[in-house]
Amino acid sequence: MIFNHRKMRVFIYHEAIDMRCGFERLSYNVREILKSNLLEGHVYLFLGKNRRRAKVLLFDGTGLVLISKRLEQGRFMSIGEIKDAHEITTSELGLLLDGSRVRLPVAVKQESRFLV
């Protein structure tokens, strides 16, 4: 599988994108908005506004790979459901691309406790 590299990280782009975007626009979003380097081999997940389409962008060592998926039934998780997660595992990415709902951990604020 293409997502099987041990050091590979999966980052989520947190705004709905125009699904007509191709390599250039998505690469720009990774560089300028996510402040990341595509050539490091990480995976970037983009979701469309209607949540029926998703795109995945990655560099496989020889060139950019763009994977596009459209669900025939159901919808992908909304960006609101994953807004606190900036990164997911490759297993979670696989589940998401299968159309499954992934329960992502919620960030918990740690309260400071002072002894009086």
PDB file of N, CA and C in Angstrom:
ATOM      1  N   MET A   1       0.840  -1.188   0.000  1.00  0.00           N
ATOM      2  CA  MET A   1       0.000   0.000   0.000  1.00  0.00           C
ATOM      3  C   MET A   1       0.882   1.249   0.000  1.00  0.00           C
ATOM      4  N   ILE A   2       0.409   2.281  -0.604  1.00  0.00           N
ATOM      5  CA  ILE A   2       1.180   3.518  -0.739  1.00  0.00           C
ATOM      6  C   ILE A   2       1.356   4.255   0.593  1.00  0.00           C
ATOM      7  N   PHE A   3       0.480   4.000   1.570  1.00  0.00           N
ATOM      8  CA  PHE A   3       0.529   4.684   2.861  1.00  0.00           C
ATOM      9  C   PHE A   3       1.219   3.837   3.924  1.00  0.00           C
ATOM     10  N   ASN A   4       2.190   3.053   3.561  1.00  0.00           N
ATOM     11  CA  ASN A   4       2.761   2.096   4.497  1.00  0.00           C
ATOM     12  C   ASN A   4       4.149   2.468   5.003  1.00  0.00           C
ATOM     13  N   HIS A   5       4.617   3.653   4.774  1.00  0.00           N
ATOM     14  CA  HIS A   5       5.938   4.086   5.210  1.00  0.00           C
ATOM     15  C   HIS A   5       5.895   4.393   6.704  1.00  0.00           C
ATOM     16  N   ARG A   6       6.831   3.875   7.473  1.00  0.00           N
ATOM     17  CA  ARG A   6       6.807   4.022   8.936  1.00  0.00           C
ATOM     18  C   ARG A   6       6.869   5.462   9.427  1.00  0.00           C
ATOM     19  N   LYS A   7       7.653   6.290   8.770  1.00  0.00           N
ATOM     20  CA  LYS A   7       7.823   7.670   9.228  1.00  0.00           C
ATOM     21  C   LYS A   7       6.790   8.613   8.621  1.00  0.00           C
ATOM     22  N   MET A   8       5.889   8.074   7.836  1.00  0.00           N
ATOM     23  CA  MET A   8       4.889   8.890   7.168  1.00  0.00           C
ATOM     24  C   MET A   8       3.886   9.436   8.171  1.00  0.00           C
ATOM     25  N   ARG A   9       3.618  10.717   8.046  1.00  0.00           N
ATOM     26  CA  ARG A   9       2.619  11.367   8.894  1.00  0.00           C
ATOM     27  C   ARG A   9       1.491  11.849   7.996  1.00  0.00           C
ATOM     28  N   VAL A  10       0.286  11.901   8.539  1.00  0.00           N
ATOM     29  CA  VAL A  10      -0.888  12.321   7.779  1.00  0.00           C
ATOM     30  C   VAL A  10      -1.426  13.599   8.405  1.00  0.00           C
ATOM     31  N   PHE A  11      -1.416  14.679   7.624  1.00  0.00           N
ATOM     32  CA  PHE A  11      -1.891  15.969   8.097  1.00  0.00           C
ATOM     33  C   PHE A  11      -3.215  16.310   7.440  1.00  0.00           C
ATOM     34  N   ILE A  12      -4.083  16.986   8.187  1.00  0.00           N
ATOM     35  CA  ILE A  12      -5.408  17.352   7.704  1.00  0.00           C
ATOM     36  C   ILE A  12      -5.440  18.840   7.399  1.00  0.00           C
ATOM     37  N   TYR A  13      -5.913  19.181   6.221  1.00  0.00           N
ATOM     38  CA  TYR A  13      -6.130  20.573   5.856  1.00  0.00           C
ATOM     39  C   TYR A  13      -7.517  20.945   6.371  1.00  0.00           C
ATOM     40  N   HIS A  14      -7.618  22.004   7.184  1.00  0.00           N
ATOM     41  CA  HIS A  14      -8.832  22.279   7.944  1.00  0.00           C
ATOM     42  C   HIS A  14      -9.848  23.200   7.304  1.00  0.00           C
ATOM     43  N   GLU A  15      -9.746  23.440   6.028  1.00  0.00           N
ATOM     44  CA  GLU A  15     -10.766  24.209   5.335  1.00  0.00           C
ATOM     45  C   GLU A  15     -11.252  23.375   4.161  1.00  0.00           C
ATOM     46  N   ALA A  16     -12.534  23.452   3.869  1.00  0.00           N
ATOM     47  CA  ALA A  16     -13.054  22.760   2.701  1.00  0.00           C
ATOM     48  C   ALA A  16     -12.410  23.370   1.456  1.00  0.00           C
ATOM     49  N   ILE A  17     -12.045  22.528   0.515  1.00  0.00           N
ATOM     50  CA  ILE A  17     -11.398  23.018  -0.696  1.00  0.00           C
ATOM     51  C   ILE A  17     -12.310  22.839  -1.901  1.00  0.00           C
ATOM     52  N   ASP A  18     -12.021  23.582  -2.935  1.00  0.00           N
ATOM     53  CA  ASP A  18     -12.669  23.410  -4.219  1.00  0.00           C
ATOM     54  C   ASP A  18     -12.074  22.126  -4.803  1.00  0.00           C
ATOM     55  N   MET A  19     -12.896  21.154  -5.075  1.00  0.00           N
ATOM     56  CA  MET A  19     -12.382  19.858  -5.513  1.00  0.00           C
ATOM     57  C   MET A  19     -11.827  19.887  -6.936  1.00  0.00           C
ATOM     58  N   ARG A  20     -11.896  21.032  -7.601  1.00  0.00           N
ATOM     59  CA  ARG A  20     -11.251  21.168  -8.907  1.00  0.00           C
ATOM     60  C   ARG A  20      -9.756  21.436  -8.749  1.00  0.00           C
ATOM     61  N   CYS A  21      -9.314  21.693  -7.520  1.00  0.00           N
ATOM     62  CA  CYS A  21      -7.892  21.958  -7.267  1.00  0.00           C
ATOM     63  C   CYS A  21      -7.060  20.754  -7.662  1.00  0.00           C
ATOM     64  N   GLY A  22      -5.929  21.049  -8.265  1.00  0.00           N
ATOM     65  CA  GLY A  22      -5.010  19.994  -8.677  1.00  0.00           C
ATOM     66  C   GLY A  22      -3.694  20.089  -7.924  1.00  0.00           C
ATOM     67  N   PHE A  23      -2.668  19.527  -8.538  1.00  0.00           N
ATOM     68  CA  PHE A  23      -1.354  19.469  -7.911  1.00  0.00           C
ATOM     69  C   PHE A  23      -0.857  20.838  -7.447  1.00  0.00           C
ATOM     70  N   GLU A  24      -0.935  21.828  -8.318  1.00  0.00           N
ATOM     71  CA  GLU A  24      -0.347  23.133  -8.013  1.00  0.00           C
ATOM     72  C   GLU A  24      -1.024  23.825  -6.844  1.00  0.00           C
ATOM     73  N   ARG A  25      -2.344  23.900  -6.859  1.00  0.00           N
ATOM     74  CA  ARG A  25      -3.071  24.604  -5.787  1.00  0.00           C
ATOM     75  C   ARG A  25      -2.922  23.868  -4.458  1.00  0.00           C
ATOM     76  N   LEU A  26      -3.013  22.543  -4.478  1.00  0.00           N
ATOM     77  CA  LEU A  26      -2.867  21.782  -3.238  1.00  0.00           C
ATOM     78  C   LEU A  26      -1.445  21.886  -2.702  1.00  0.00           C
ATOM     79  N   SER A  27      -0.461  21.874  -3.586  1.00  0.00           N
ATOM     80  CA  SER A  27       0.936  22.039  -3.169  1.00  0.00           C
ATOM     81  C   SER A  27       1.135  23.408  -2.528  1.00  0.00           C
ATOM     82  N   TYR A  28       0.515  24.434  -3.115  1.00  0.00           N
ATOM     83  CA  TYR A  28       0.579  25.777  -2.559  1.00  0.00           C
ATOM     84  C   TYR A  28      -0.005  25.789  -1.140  1.00  0.00           C
ATOM     85  N   ASN A  29      -1.150  25.151  -0.938  1.00  0.00           N
ATOM     86  CA  ASN A  29      -1.773  25.092   0.387  1.00  0.00           C
ATOM     87  C   ASN A  29      -0.860  24.421   1.403  1.00  0.00           C
ATOM     88  N   VAL A  30      -0.183  23.369   0.987  1.00  0.00           N
ATOM     89  CA  VAL A  30       0.738  22.671   1.889  1.00  0.00           C
ATOM     90  C   VAL A  30       1.905  23.576   2.254  1.00  0.00           C
ATOM     91  N   ARG A  31       2.491  24.226   1.255  1.00  0.00           N
ATOM     92  CA  ARG A  31       3.661  25.088   1.484  1.00  0.00           C
ATOM     93  C   ARG A  31       3.318  26.343   2.265  1.00  0.00           C
ATOM     94  N   GLU A  32       2.323  27.070   1.806  1.00  0.00           N
ATOM     95  CA  GLU A  32       2.066  28.404   2.334  1.00  0.00           C
ATOM     96  C   GLU A  32       1.131  28.434   3.541  1.00  0.00           C
ATOM     97  N   ILE A  33       0.168  27.569   3.590  1.00  0.00           N
ATOM     98  CA  ILE A  33      -0.800  27.613   4.688  1.00  0.00           C
ATOM     99  C   ILE A  33      -0.422  26.644   5.799  1.00  0.00           C
ATOM    100  N   LEU A  34      -0.062  25.418   5.421  1.00  0.00           N
ATOM    101  CA  LEU A  34       0.337  24.442   6.436  1.00  0.00           C
ATOM    102  C   LEU A  34       1.810  24.594   6.823  1.00  0.00           C
ATOM    103  N   LYS A  35       2.558  25.379   6.052  1.00  0.00           N
ATOM    104  CA  LYS A  35       3.988  25.613   6.317  1.00  0.00           C
ATOM    105  C   LYS A  35       4.748  24.290   6.409  1.00  0.00           C
ATOM    106  N   SER A  36       4.518  23.458   5.431  1.00  0.00           N
ATOM    107  CA  SER A  36       5.132  22.138   5.419  1.00  0.00           C
ATOM    108  C   SER A  36       5.849  21.920   4.089  1.00  0.00           C
ATOM    109  N   ASN A  37       6.694  20.896   4.048  1.00  0.00           N
ATOM    110  CA  ASN A  37       7.464  20.576   2.858  1.00  0.00           C
ATOM    111  C   ASN A  37       6.962  19.256   2.283  1.00  0.00           C
ATOM    112  N   LEU A  38       6.381  19.303   1.109  1.00  0.00           N
ATOM    113  CA  LEU A  38       5.863  18.097   0.459  1.00  0.00           C
ATOM    114  C   LEU A  38       6.927  17.034   0.237  1.00  0.00           C
ATOM    115  N   LEU A  39       8.155  17.444   0.019  1.00  0.00           N
ATOM    116  CA  LEU A  39       9.209  16.501  -0.322  1.00  0.00           C
ATOM    117  C   LEU A  39       9.640  15.622   0.844  1.00  0.00           C
ATOM    118  N   GLU A  40       9.114  15.878   2.034  1.00  0.00           N
ATOM    119  CA  GLU A  40       9.426  15.039   3.188  1.00  0.00           C
ATOM    120  C   GLU A  40       8.675  13.715   3.142  1.00  0.00           C
ATOM    121  N   GLY A  41       7.705  13.582   2.251  1.00  0.00           N
ATOM    122  CA  GLY A  41       7.014  12.315   2.076  1.00  0.00           C
ATOM    123  C   GLY A  41       5.790  12.127   2.945  1.00  0.00           C
ATOM    124  N   HIS A  42       5.310  13.188   3.550  1.00  0.00           N
ATOM    125  CA  HIS A  42       4.110  13.067   4.370  1.00  0.00           C
ATOM    126  C   HIS A  42       2.859  13.144   3.489  1.00  0.00           C
ATOM    127  N   VAL A  43       1.728  12.818   4.084  1.00  0.00           N
ATOM    128  CA  VAL A  43       0.454  12.761   3.375  1.00  0.00           C
ATOM    129  C   VAL A  43      -0.415  13.922   3.848  1.00  0.00           C
ATOM    130  N   TYR A  44      -1.133  14.537   2.912  1.00  0.00           N
ATOM    131  CA  TYR A  44      -1.997  15.669   3.229  1.00  0.00           C
ATOM    132  C   TYR A  44      -3.410  15.359   2.748  1.00  0.00           C
ATOM    133  N   LEU A  45      -4.359  15.431   3.669  1.00  0.00           N
ATOM    134  CA  LEU A  45      -5.758  15.114   3.386  1.00  0.00           C
ATOM    135  C   LEU A  45      -6.556  16.397   3.225  1.00  0.00           C
ATOM    136  N   PHE A  46      -7.313  16.474   2.140  1.00  0.00           N
ATOM    137  CA  PHE A  46      -8.177  17.618   1.842  1.00  0.00           C
ATOM    138  C   PHE A  46      -9.598  17.102   1.655  1.00  0.00           C
ATOM    139  N   LEU A  47     -10.576  17.812   2.216  1.00  0.00           N
ATOM    140  CA  LEU A  47     -11.977  17.428   2.073  1.00  0.00           C
ATOM    141  C   LEU A  47     -12.746  18.518   1.342  1.00  0.00           C
ATOM    142  N   GLY A  48     -13.736  18.089   0.564  1.00  0.00           N
ATOM    143  CA  GLY A  48     -14.586  19.035  -0.145  1.00  0.00           C
ATOM    144  C   GLY A  48     -15.704  19.538   0.743  1.00  0.00           C
ATOM    145  N   LYS A  49     -16.331  20.607   0.315  1.00  0.00           N
ATOM    146  CA  LYS A  49     -17.380  21.247   1.099  1.00  0.00           C
ATOM    147  C   LYS A  49     -18.581  20.327   1.318  1.00  0.00           C
ATOM    148  N   ASN A  50     -18.956  19.552   0.311  1.00  0.00           N
ATOM    149  CA  ASN A  50     -20.129  18.693   0.453  1.00  0.00           C
ATOM    150  C   ASN A  50     -19.823  17.357   1.140  1.00  0.00           C
ATOM    151  N   ARG A  51     -18.553  17.139   1.496  1.00  0.00           N
ATOM    152  CA  ARG A  51     -18.099  15.965   2.246  1.00  0.00           C
ATOM    153  C   ARG A  51     -18.297  14.648   1.500  1.00  0.00           C
ATOM    154  N   ARG A  52     -18.513  14.705   0.213  1.00  0.00           N
ATOM    155  CA  ARG A  52     -18.612  13.474  -0.576  1.00  0.00           C
ATOM    156  C   ARG A  52     -17.297  13.163  -1.274  1.00  0.00           C
ATOM    157  N   ARG A  53     -16.391  14.143  -1.276  1.00  0.00           N
ATOM    158  CA  ARG A  53     -15.125  13.971  -1.987  1.00  0.00           C
ATOM    159  C   ARG A  53     -13.949  14.295  -1.078  1.00  0.00           C
ATOM    160  N   ALA A  54     -12.870  13.580  -1.318  1.00  0.00           N
ATOM    161  CA  ALA A  54     -11.627  13.821  -0.576  1.00  0.00           C
ATOM    162  C   ALA A  54     -10.468  13.699  -1.550  1.00  0.00           C
ATOM    163  N   LYS A  55      -9.405  14.427  -1.254  1.00  0.00           N
ATOM    164  CA  LYS A  55      -8.168  14.319  -2.031  1.00  0.00           C
ATOM    165  C   LYS A  55      -7.017  14.127  -1.066  1.00  0.00           C
ATOM    166  N   VAL A  56      -6.065  13.342  -1.500  1.00  0.00           N
ATOM    167  CA  VAL A  56      -4.863  13.058  -0.725  1.00  0.00           C
ATOM    168  C   VAL A  56      -3.672  13.398  -1.615  1.00  0.00           C
ATOM    169  N   LEU A  57      -2.748  14.167  -1.080  1.00  0.00           N
ATOM    170  CA  LEU A  57      -1.561  14.566  -1.823  1.00  0.00           C
ATOM    171  C   LEU A  57      -0.327  14.090  -1.076  1.00  0.00           C
ATOM    172  N   LEU A  58       0.618  13.497  -1.806  1.00  0.00           N
ATOM    173  CA  LEU A  58       1.873  13.075  -1.197  1.00  0.00           C
ATOM    174  C   LEU A  58       2.971  13.009  -2.244  1.00  0.00           C
ATOM    175  N   PHE A  59       4.188  13.022  -1.772  1.00  0.00           N
ATOM    176  CA  PHE A  59       5.365  12.857  -2.615  1.00  0.00           C
ATOM    177  C   PHE A  59       5.910  11.468  -2.339  1.00  0.00           C
ATOM    178  N   ASP A  60       6.024  10.628  -3.371  1.00  0.00           N
ATOM    179  CA  ASP A  60       6.438   9.236  -3.164  1.00  0.00           C
ATOM    180  C   ASP A  60       7.916   8.979  -3.404  1.00  0.00           C
ATOM    181  N   GLY A  61       8.691  10.042  -3.587  1.00  0.00           N
ATOM    182  CA  GLY A  61      10.123   9.887  -3.830  1.00  0.00           C
ATOM    183  C   GLY A  61      10.486  10.162  -5.279  1.00  0.00           C
ATOM    184  N   THR A  62       9.521   9.991  -6.185  1.00  0.00           N
ATOM    185  CA  THR A  62       9.777  10.257  -7.602  1.00  0.00           C
ATOM    186  C   THR A  62       8.910  11.378  -8.147  1.00  0.00           C
ATOM    187  N   GLY A  63       7.806  11.650  -7.481  1.00  0.00           N
ATOM    188  CA  GLY A  63       6.901  12.694  -7.942  1.00  0.00           C
ATOM    189  C   GLY A  63       5.702  12.814  -7.026  1.00  0.00           C
ATOM    190  N   LEU A  64       4.860  13.788  -7.331  1.00  0.00           N
ATOM    191  CA  LEU A  64       3.649  13.985  -6.534  1.00  0.00           C
ATOM    192  C   LEU A  64       2.588  12.983  -6.944  1.00  0.00           C
ATOM    193  N   VAL A  65       1.856  12.507  -5.948  1.00  0.00           N
ATOM    194  CA  VAL A  65       0.747  11.585  -6.167  1.00  0.00           C
ATOM    195  C   VAL A  65      -0.501  12.266  -5.640  1.00  0.00           C
ATOM    196  N   LEU A  66      -1.540  12.294  -6.458  1.00  0.00           N
ATOM    197  CA  LEU A  66      -2.815  12.884  -6.056  1.00  0.00           C
ATOM    198  C   LEU A  66      -3.888  11.818  -6.170  1.00  0.00           C
ATOM    199  N   ILE A  67      -4.492  11.515  -5.041  1.00  0.00           N
ATOM    200  CA  ILE A  67      -5.553  10.514  -4.997  1.00  0.00           C
ATOM    201  C   ILE A  67      -6.852  11.248  -4.721  1.00  0.00           C
ATOM    202  N   SER A  68      -7.858  10.945  -5.510  1.00  0.00           N
ATOM    203  CA  SER A  68      -9.160  11.583  -5.354  1.00  0.00           C
ATOM    204  C   SER A  68     -10.204  10.489  -5.152  1.00  0.00           C
ATOM    205  N   LYS A  69     -11.086  10.701  -4.188  1.00  0.00           N
ATOM    206  CA  LYS A  69     -12.132   9.714  -3.924  1.00  0.00           C
ATOM    207  C   LYS A  69     -13.464  10.412  -3.773  1.00  0.00           C
ATOM    208  N   ARG A  70     -14.479   9.851  -4.412  1.00  0.00           N
ATOM    209  CA  ARG A  70     -15.842  10.340  -4.292  1.00  0.00           C
ATOM    210  C   ARG A  70     -16.693   9.200  -3.768  1.00  0.00           C
ATOM    211  N   LEU A  71     -17.371   9.431  -2.659  1.00  0.00           N
ATOM    212  CA  LEU A  71     -18.261   8.418  -2.107  1.00  0.00           C
ATOM    213  C   LEU A  71     -19.574   8.421  -2.881  1.00  0.00           C
ATOM    214  N   GLU A  72     -20.058   7.262  -3.241  1.00  0.00           N
ATOM    215  CA  GLU A  72     -21.341   7.149  -3.928  1.00  0.00           C
ATOM    216  C   GLU A  72     -22.492   7.229  -2.937  1.00  0.00           C
ATOM    217  N   GLN A  73     -22.260   6.749  -1.717  1.00  0.00           N
ATOM    218  CA  GLN A  73     -23.268   6.838  -0.661  1.00  0.00           C
ATOM    219  C   GLN A  73     -22.596   7.332   0.601  1.00  0.00           C
ATOM    220  N   GLY A  74     -23.319   8.120   1.356  1.00  0.00           N
ATOM    221  CA  GLY A  74     -22.778   8.630   2.605  1.00  0.00           C
ATOM    222  C   GLY A  74     -21.853   9.815   2.368  1.00  0.00           C
ATOM    223  N   ARG A  75     -21.214  10.230   3.449  1.00  0.00           N
ATOM    224  CA  ARG A  75     -20.322  11.391   3.409  1.00  0.00           C
ATOM    225  C   ARG A  75     -19.107  11.119   4.298  1.00  0.00           C
ATOM    226  N   PHE A  76     -18.023  11.812   3.980  1.00  0.00           N
ATOM    227  CA  PHE A  76     -16.856  11.769   4.845  1.00  0.00           C
ATOM    228  C   PHE A  76     -17.166  12.559   6.112  1.00  0.00           C
ATOM    229  N   MET A  77     -16.369  12.359   7.129  1.00  0.00           N
ATOM    230  CA  MET A  77     -16.506  13.149   8.354  1.00  0.00           C
ATOM    231  C   MET A  77     -16.387  14.618   7.996  1.00  0.00           C
ATOM    232  N   SER A  78     -17.090  15.460   8.736  1.00  0.00           N
ATOM    233  CA  SER A  78     -16.987  16.889   8.468  1.00  0.00           C
ATOM    234  C   SER A  78     -15.686  17.426   9.063  1.00  0.00           C
ATOM    235  N   ILE A  79     -15.268  18.550   8.553  1.00  0.00           N
ATOM    236  CA  ILE A  79     -14.057  19.174   9.076  1.00  0.00           C
ATOM    237  C   ILE A  79     -14.274  19.545  10.543  1.00  0.00           C
ATOM    238  N   GLY A  80     -15.503  19.896  10.896  1.00  0.00           N
ATOM    239  CA  GLY A  80     -15.817  20.211  12.288  1.00  0.00           C
ATOM    240  C   GLY A  80     -15.571  19.039  13.215  1.00  0.00           C
ATOM    241  N   GLU A  81     -15.795  17.828  12.724  1.00  0.00           N
ATOM    242  CA  GLU A  81     -15.582  16.636  13.541  1.00  0.00           C
ATOM    243  C   GLU A  81     -14.107  16.329  13.755  1.00  0.00           C
ATOM    244  N   ILE A  82     -13.267  16.846  12.883  1.00  0.00           N
ATOM    245  CA  ILE A  82     -11.835  16.571  13.007  1.00  0.00           C
ATOM    246  C   ILE A  82     -11.035  17.843  13.235  1.00  0.00           C
ATOM    247  N   LYS A  83     -11.732  18.937  13.602  1.00  0.00           N
ATOM    248  CA  LYS A  83     -11.056  20.227  13.688  1.00  0.00           C
ATOM    249  C   LYS A  83      -9.961  20.293  14.731  1.00  0.00           C
ATOM    250  N   ASP A  84     -10.057  19.511  15.797  1.00  0.00           N
ATOM    251  CA  ASP A  84      -9.024  19.544  16.826  1.00  0.00           C
ATOM    252  C   ASP A  84      -7.825  18.668  16.479  1.00  0.00           C
ATOM    253  N   ALA A  85      -8.001  17.806  15.505  1.00  0.00           N
ATOM    254  CA  ALA A  85      -6.905  16.927  15.116  1.00  0.00           C
ATOM    255  C   ALA A  85      -6.180  17.535  13.922  1.00  0.00           C
ATOM    256  N   HIS A  86      -4.898  17.728  14.052  1.00  0.00           N
ATOM    257  CA  HIS A  86      -4.102  18.245  12.936  1.00  0.00           C
ATOM    258  C   HIS A  86      -3.399  17.105  12.229  1.00  0.00           C
ATOM    259  N   GLU A  87      -3.392  15.962  12.873  1.00  0.00           N
ATOM    260  CA  GLU A  87      -2.676  14.817  12.341  1.00  0.00           C
ATOM    261  C   GLU A  87      -3.424  13.549  12.720  1.00  0.00           C
ATOM    262  N   ILE A  88      -3.475  12.590  11.805  1.00  0.00           N
ATOM    263  CA  ILE A  88      -4.083  11.296  12.079  1.00  0.00           C
ATOM    264  C   ILE A  88      -3.098  10.211  11.663  1.00  0.00           C
ATOM    265  N   THR A  89      -3.378   8.982  12.022  1.00  0.00           N
ATOM    266  CA  THR A  89      -2.513   7.873  11.644  1.00  0.00           C
ATOM    267  C   THR A  89      -2.870   7.392  10.245  1.00  0.00           C
ATOM    268  N   THR A  90      -1.982   6.607   9.651  1.00  0.00           N
ATOM    269  CA  THR A  90      -2.273   6.059   8.331  1.00  0.00           C
ATOM    270  C   THR A  90      -3.456   5.099   8.400  1.00  0.00           C
ATOM    271  N   SER A  91      -3.624   4.409   9.519  1.00  0.00           N
ATOM    272  CA  SER A  91      -4.782   3.518   9.689  1.00  0.00           C
ATOM    273  C   SER A  91      -6.076   4.314   9.709  1.00  0.00           C
ATOM    274  N   GLU A  92      -6.070   5.440  10.413  1.00  0.00           N
ATOM    275  CA  GLU A  92      -7.256   6.299  10.449  1.00  0.00           C
ATOM    276  C   GLU A  92      -7.546   6.878   9.072  1.00  0.00           C
ATOM    277  N   LEU A  93      -6.489   7.207   8.314  1.00  0.00           N
ATOM    278  CA  LEU A  93      -6.685   7.694   6.955  1.00  0.00           C
ATOM    279  C   LEU A  93      -7.375   6.621   6.111  1.00  0.00           C
ATOM    280  N   GLY A  94      -6.934   5.398   6.246  1.00  0.00           N
ATOM    281  CA  GLY A  94      -7.565   4.297   5.513  1.00  0.00           C
ATOM    282  C   GLY A  94      -9.040   4.161   5.846  1.00  0.00           C
ATOM    283  N   LEU A  95      -9.357   4.256   7.131  1.00  0.00           N
ATOM    284  CA  LEU A  95     -10.759   4.185   7.549  1.00  0.00           C
ATOM    285  C   LEU A  95     -11.566   5.353   6.993  1.00  0.00           C
ATOM    286  N   LEU A  96     -10.993   6.557   7.059  1.00  0.00           N
ATOM    287  CA  LEU A  96     -11.668   7.734   6.517  1.00  0.00           C
ATOM    288  C   LEU A  96     -11.947   7.574   5.030  1.00  0.00           C
ATOM    289  N   LEU A  97     -10.964   7.090   4.282  1.00  0.00           N
ATOM    290  CA  LEU A  97     -11.145   6.934   2.839  1.00  0.00           C
ATOM    291  C   LEU A  97     -12.138   5.829   2.514  1.00  0.00           C
ATOM    292  N   ASP A  98     -12.347   4.928   3.453  1.00  0.00           N
ATOM    293  CA  ASP A  98     -13.387   3.898   3.279  1.00  0.00           C
ATOM    294  C   ASP A  98     -14.762   4.436   3.616  1.00  0.00           C
ATOM    295  N   GLY A  99     -14.827   5.672   4.094  1.00  0.00           N
ATOM    296  CA  GLY A  99     -16.110   6.282   4.430  1.00  0.00           C
ATOM    297  C   GLY A  99     -16.526   6.054   5.867  1.00  0.00           C
ATOM    298  N   SER A 100     -15.653   5.480   6.665  1.00  0.00           N
ATOM    299  CA  SER A 100     -15.968   5.206   8.070  1.00  0.00           C
ATOM    300  C   SER A 100     -15.823   6.466   8.908  1.00  0.00           C
ATOM    301  N   ARG A 101     -16.532   6.494  10.004  1.00  0.00           N
ATOM    302  CA  ARG A 101     -16.353   7.561  10.985  1.00  0.00           C
ATOM    303  C   ARG A 101     -15.221   7.116  11.894  1.00  0.00           C
ATOM    304  N   VAL A 102     -14.293   8.006  12.114  1.00  0.00           N
ATOM    305  CA  VAL A 102     -13.148   7.705  12.964  1.00  0.00           C
ATOM    306  C   VAL A 102     -13.290   8.510  14.234  1.00  0.00           C
ATOM    307  N   ARG A 103     -13.191   7.831  15.349  1.00  0.00           N
ATOM    308  CA  ARG A 103     -13.261   8.541  16.626  1.00  0.00           C
ATOM    309  C   ARG A 103     -11.866   9.013  16.970  1.00  0.00           C
ATOM    310  N   LEU A 104     -11.683  10.317  16.848  1.00  0.00           N
ATOM    311  CA  LEU A 104     -10.373  10.910  17.111  1.00  0.00           C
ATOM    312  C   LEU A 104     -10.314  11.394  18.543  1.00  0.00           C
ATOM    313  N   PRO A 105      -9.165  11.273  19.184  1.00  0.00           N
ATOM    314  CA  PRO A 105      -9.052  11.742  20.565  1.00  0.00           C
ATOM    315  C   PRO A 105      -9.253  13.243  20.657  1.00  0.00           C
ATOM    316  N   VAL A 106      -9.911  13.651  21.694  1.00  0.00           N
ATOM    317  CA  VAL A 106     -10.158  15.074  21.939  1.00  0.00           C
ATOM    318  C   VAL A 106      -9.041  15.598  22.823  1.00  0.00           C
ATOM    319  N   ALA A 107      -8.503  16.739  22.459  1.00  0.00           N
ATOM    320  CA  ALA A 107      -7.451  17.346  23.276  1.00  0.00           C
ATOM    321  C   ALA A 107      -8.039  17.761  24.619  1.00  0.00           C
ATOM    322  N   VAL A 108      -7.363  17.400  25.676  1.00  0.00           N
ATOM    323  CA  VAL A 108      -7.835  17.708  27.022  1.00  0.00           C
ATOM    324  C   VAL A 108      -6.933  18.770  27.622  1.00  0.00           C
ATOM    325  N   LYS A 109      -7.538  19.820  28.129  1.00  0.00           N
ATOM    326  CA  LYS A 109      -6.754  20.862  28.781  1.00  0.00           C
ATOM    327  C   LYS A 109      -6.339  20.372  30.160  1.00  0.00           C
ATOM    328  N   GLN A 110      -5.085  20.557  30.475  1.00  0.00           N
ATOM    329  CA  GLN A 110      -4.609  20.188  31.798  1.00  0.00           C
ATOM    330  C   GLN A 110      -4.726  21.409  32.698  1.00  0.00           C
ATOM    331  N   GLU A 111      -5.395  21.222  33.802  1.00  0.00           N
ATOM    332  CA  GLU A 111      -5.572  22.331  34.736  1.00  0.00           C
ATOM    333  C   GLU A 111      -4.390  22.417  35.674  1.00  0.00           C
ATOM    334  N   SER A 112      -3.990  23.612  35.962  1.00  0.00           N
ATOM    335  CA  SER A 112      -2.919  23.817  36.924  1.00  0.00           C
ATOM    336  C   SER A 112      -3.495  23.683  38.323  1.00  0.00           C
ATOM    337  N   ARG A 113      -2.807  22.954  39.133  1.00  0.00           N
ATOM    338  CA  ARG A 113      -3.283  22.788  40.516  1.00  0.00           C
ATOM    339  C   ARG A 113      -2.231  23.374  41.445  1.00  0.00           C
ATOM    340  N   PHE A 114      -2.679  24.307  42.236  1.00  0.00           N
ATOM    341  CA  PHE A 114      -1.781  24.948  43.165  1.00  0.00           C
ATOM    342  C   PHE A 114      -2.190  24.575  44.583  1.00  0.00           C
ATOM    343  N   LEU A 115      -1.221  24.313  45.398  1.00  0.00           N
ATOM    344  CA  LEU A 115      -1.496  24.055  46.806  1.00  0.00           C
ATOM    345  C   LEU A 115      -1.535  25.384  47.551  1.00  0.00           C
ATOM    346  N   VAL A 116      -2.529  25.558  48.337  1.00  0.00           N
ATOM    347  CA  VAL A 116      -2.667  26.819  49.087  1.00  0.00           C
ATOM    348  C   VAL A 116      -2.235  26.602  50.505  1.00  0.00           C
TER     349      VAL A 116
END
